[in-house]
Amino acid sequence: MRLFGDPVLRTPCEPVTDFDRELARLVDDLTDTMLAANGAGLAAPQIGVGARVFTYHVDDQVGHLVNPVVEYVSDEEQTDDEGCLSIPGLAFPCTRPLRARAAGFDMHGEPLVIEGERLLARAVLHEIDHLDGVLFVDRLDPATRKAAMRAIREAEWAGTPRPVIKVSPHPSPFGI
């Protein structure tokens, strides 16, 4: 799991172009990691992969979306505590649209739409932000963001060394 401060979390992801076995493995890895961490969602950059893919787990519904595009967000808003597996142990009040719809593809390249409200809308928008290099702390009001950044600096995990990445000599369909 990549933690706050890792540059991969601030790098916009490349669209997926190959819907193949490697993509299916990535979706499986994301799903397994998300479930093991009790997360509501997990985006590929959070495990160091620069591909536009995320998984979600809300209200016993587990799914994924490849190359997502936000199609709709409601004017109504919700404010609730929001956390992130890449900022472990911390949560802060964050305002997001109450309802959202995103379109993309499943791992087999079939069109897929996710539409939801409350936690599902929050999770989908949070994960799409990750794919764009945006973290939820960027969406906090200034006073809350200042408190969040202080808490992040003081977190037990802050400043831990980033993992050493071994680069494969083989080309990657994910642009990394």
Protein backbone atom coordinates (compact mmCIF):
# COMPACT_ATOMS: atom_id res chain seq x y z
CA MET A 1 0.00 0.00 0.00
CA ARG A 2 1.42 3.35 -1.02
CA LEU A 3 1.22 6.03 1.67
CA PHE A 4 0.77 9.79 1.58
CA GLY A 5 3.93 11.38 0.19
CA ASP A 6 4.56 8.72 -2.45
CA PRO A 7 4.66 10.51 -5.84
CA VAL A 8 2.57 7.78 -7.51
CA LEU A 9 -0.43 9.08 -5.54
CA ARG A 10 -0.07 12.51 -7.17
CA THR A 11 0.46 11.25 -10.72
CA PRO A 12 -2.54 11.08 -13.09
CA CYS A 13 -3.05 7.55 -14.41
CA GLU A 14 -2.92 6.32 -17.97
CA PRO A 15 -6.06 4.84 -19.56
CA VAL A 16 -6.18 1.08 -19.85
CA THR A 17 -5.89 -0.05 -23.46
CA ASP A 18 -5.59 -3.82 -23.09
CA PHE A 19 -8.40 -5.77 -21.45
CA ASP A 20 -6.37 -8.90 -20.88
CA ARG A 21 -5.24 -11.36 -18.23
CA GLU A 22 -2.89 -8.79 -16.68
CA LEU A 23 -5.81 -6.39 -16.16
CA ALA A 24 -7.87 -9.19 -14.59
CA ARG A 25 -4.96 -9.92 -12.21
CA LEU A 26 -4.76 -6.22 -11.32
CA VAL A 27 -8.50 -6.11 -10.55
CA ASP A 28 -8.15 -9.25 -8.42
CA ASP A 29 -5.15 -7.79 -6.56
CA LEU A 30 -6.99 -4.51 -5.94
CA THR A 31 -10.09 -6.34 -4.71
CA ASP A 32 -8.13 -8.68 -2.40
CA THR A 33 -6.07 -5.80 -0.98
CA MET A 34 -9.14 -3.60 -0.47
CA LEU A 35 -11.08 -6.35 1.30
CA ALA A 36 -8.11 -7.31 3.50
CA ALA A 37 -7.75 -3.67 4.56
CA ASN A 38 -11.53 -3.24 5.14
CA GLY A 39 -11.63 -0.40 2.64
CA ALA A 40 -14.61 1.05 0.78
CA GLY A 41 -12.46 1.41 -2.32
CA LEU A 42 -8.96 1.12 -3.71
CA ALA A 43 -7.41 2.69 -6.79
CA ALA A 44 -4.51 1.24 -8.78
CA PRO A 45 -2.01 3.97 -7.81
CA GLN A 46 -2.49 3.01 -4.16
CA ILE A 47 -0.66 -0.22 -4.96
CA GLY A 48 1.82 1.52 -7.25
CA VAL A 49 0.16 0.96 -10.63
CA GLY A 50 -0.53 3.97 -12.86
CA ALA A 51 -3.67 2.59 -14.53
CA ARG A 52 -7.20 4.03 -14.51
CA VAL A 53 -8.76 1.19 -12.48
CA PHE A 54 -10.44 1.09 -9.10
CA THR A 55 -12.42 -1.32 -6.95
CA TYR A 56 -15.12 -0.63 -4.39
CA HIS A 57 -16.90 -2.41 -1.55
CA VAL A 58 -20.02 -0.64 -0.26
CA ASP A 59 -23.09 -2.22 1.36
CA ASP A 60 -21.87 -5.75 0.52
CA GLN A 61 -21.54 -4.74 -3.15
CA VAL A 62 -18.05 -5.42 -4.55
CA GLY A 63 -17.13 -4.15 -7.99
CA HIS A 64 -14.63 -2.36 -10.15
CA LEU A 65 -14.48 0.21 -12.95
CA VAL A 66 -11.87 0.65 -15.66
CA ASN A 67 -11.29 4.02 -17.36
CA PRO A 68 -14.04 5.73 -15.35
CA VAL A 69 -15.59 9.03 -16.35
CA VAL A 70 -17.87 10.95 -14.02
CA GLU A 71 -21.16 11.47 -15.86
CA TYR A 72 -23.23 13.10 -13.15
CA VAL A 73 -23.01 14.53 -9.67
CA SER A 74 -25.95 15.98 -7.78
CA ASP A 75 -26.16 19.56 -6.60
CA GLU A 76 -27.09 18.21 -3.17
CA GLU A 77 -24.08 17.67 -0.94
CA GLN A 78 -23.15 15.46 1.97
CA THR A 79 -20.51 16.08 4.59
CA ASP A 80 -19.13 13.12 6.49
CA ASP A 81 -15.84 11.80 7.79
CA GLU A 82 -13.70 10.48 4.97
CA GLY A 83 -10.54 8.47 5.23
CA CYS A 84 -8.11 6.79 2.87
CA LEU A 85 -6.10 3.58 2.97
CA SER A 86 -3.09 5.65 1.86
CA ILE A 87 -3.56 7.94 4.87
CA PRO A 88 -4.17 5.20 7.46
CA GLY A 89 -5.92 5.81 10.74
CA LEU A 90 -7.08 9.33 9.94
CA ALA A 91 -10.47 10.68 8.81
CA PHE A 92 -11.76 14.21 8.39
CA PRO A 93 -15.09 15.81 7.43
CA CYS A 94 -15.20 16.13 3.65
CA THR A 95 -18.02 17.49 1.50
CA ARG A 96 -18.94 15.56 -1.64
CA PRO A 97 -21.99 15.34 -3.89
CA LEU A 98 -24.80 13.24 -2.43
CA ARG A 99 -25.29 11.25 -5.66
CA ALA A 100 -22.97 10.37 -8.53
CA ARG A 101 -22.82 8.28 -11.68
CA ALA A 102 -19.65 7.10 -13.40
CA ALA A 103 -19.28 5.18 -16.65
CA GLY A 104 -16.44 3.00 -17.83
CA PHE A 105 -15.78 -0.65 -18.49
CA ASP A 106 -15.47 -3.90 -16.62
CA MET A 107 -12.25 -5.91 -16.81
CA HIS A 108 -13.51 -7.63 -19.97
CA GLY A 109 -14.10 -4.35 -21.84
CA GLU A 110 -17.88 -4.37 -21.47
CA PRO A 111 -19.52 -0.98 -20.78
CA LEU A 112 -20.45 -0.45 -17.14
CA VAL A 113 -22.18 2.30 -15.18
CA ILE A 114 -22.04 2.73 -11.40
CA GLU A 115 -24.68 4.96 -9.89
CA GLY A 116 -25.15 5.54 -6.20
CA GLU A 117 -25.69 7.88 -3.36
CA ARG A 118 -24.12 8.60 0.01
CA LEU A 119 -21.24 6.17 0.69
CA LEU A 120 -21.19 4.66 -2.82
CA ALA A 121 -21.10 8.12 -4.42
CA ARG A 122 -18.36 9.17 -1.97
CA ALA A 123 -16.31 6.02 -2.66
CA VAL A 124 -16.59 6.28 -6.46
CA LEU A 125 -15.63 9.97 -6.49
CA HIS A 126 -12.80 9.39 -4.00
CA GLU A 127 -11.31 6.62 -6.15
CA ILE A 128 -11.67 8.57 -9.41
CA ASP A 129 -9.84 11.44 -7.69
CA HIS A 130 -6.99 9.00 -6.98
CA LEU A 131 -6.81 8.19 -10.69
CA ASP A 132 -6.40 11.92 -11.37
CA GLY A 133 -3.67 12.36 -8.74
CA VAL A 134 -6.04 14.08 -6.28
CA LEU A 135 -6.30 13.11 -2.61
CA PHE A 136 -9.32 13.72 -0.40
CA VAL A 137 -7.30 16.12 1.77
CA ASP A 138 -7.21 18.42 -1.27
CA ARG A 139 -11.00 18.72 -1.00
CA LEU A 140 -11.09 19.73 2.67
CA ASP A 141 -11.91 23.27 3.75
CA PRO A 142 -8.75 25.26 4.63
CA ALA A 143 -8.96 24.88 8.43
CA THR A 144 -9.67 21.15 8.23
CA ARG A 145 -6.93 20.67 5.65
CA LYS A 146 -4.43 22.39 7.95
CA ALA A 147 -5.44 20.08 10.81
CA ALA A 148 -5.25 17.06 8.49
CA MET A 149 -1.76 17.93 7.31
CA ARG A 150 -0.61 18.35 10.93
CA ALA A 151 -2.10 14.95 11.82
CA ILE A 152 -0.42 13.36 8.79
CA ARG A 153 2.99 14.80 9.77
CA GLU A 154 2.51 13.44 13.30
CA ALA A 155 1.21 10.00 12.21
CA GLU A 156 3.22 6.97 13.26
CA TRP A 157 3.67 5.94 9.62
CA ALA A 158 4.78 9.40 8.38
CA GLY A 159 8.22 9.44 6.86
CA THR A 160 8.48 5.70 6.42
CA PRO A 161 10.70 4.87 3.47
CA ARG A 162 8.97 4.27 0.17
CA PRO A 163 9.28 0.72 -1.12
CA VAL A 164 12.05 -0.03 -3.58
CA ILE A 165 10.45 -0.72 -6.93
CA LYS A 166 12.02 -3.17 -9.31
CA VAL A 167 11.25 -2.26 -12.90
CA SER A 168 10.33 -5.09 -15.23
CA PRO A 169 12.20 -5.23 -18.53
CA HIS A 170 8.89 -6.08 -20.21
CA PRO A 171 6.58 -3.39 -21.59
CA SER A 172 3.56 -2.59 -19.44
CA PRO A 173 0.07 -1.92 -20.77
CA PHE A 174 -0.43 0.47 -17.83
CA GLY A 175 2.09 3.13 -18.84
CA ILE A 176 4.50 2.52 -15.97
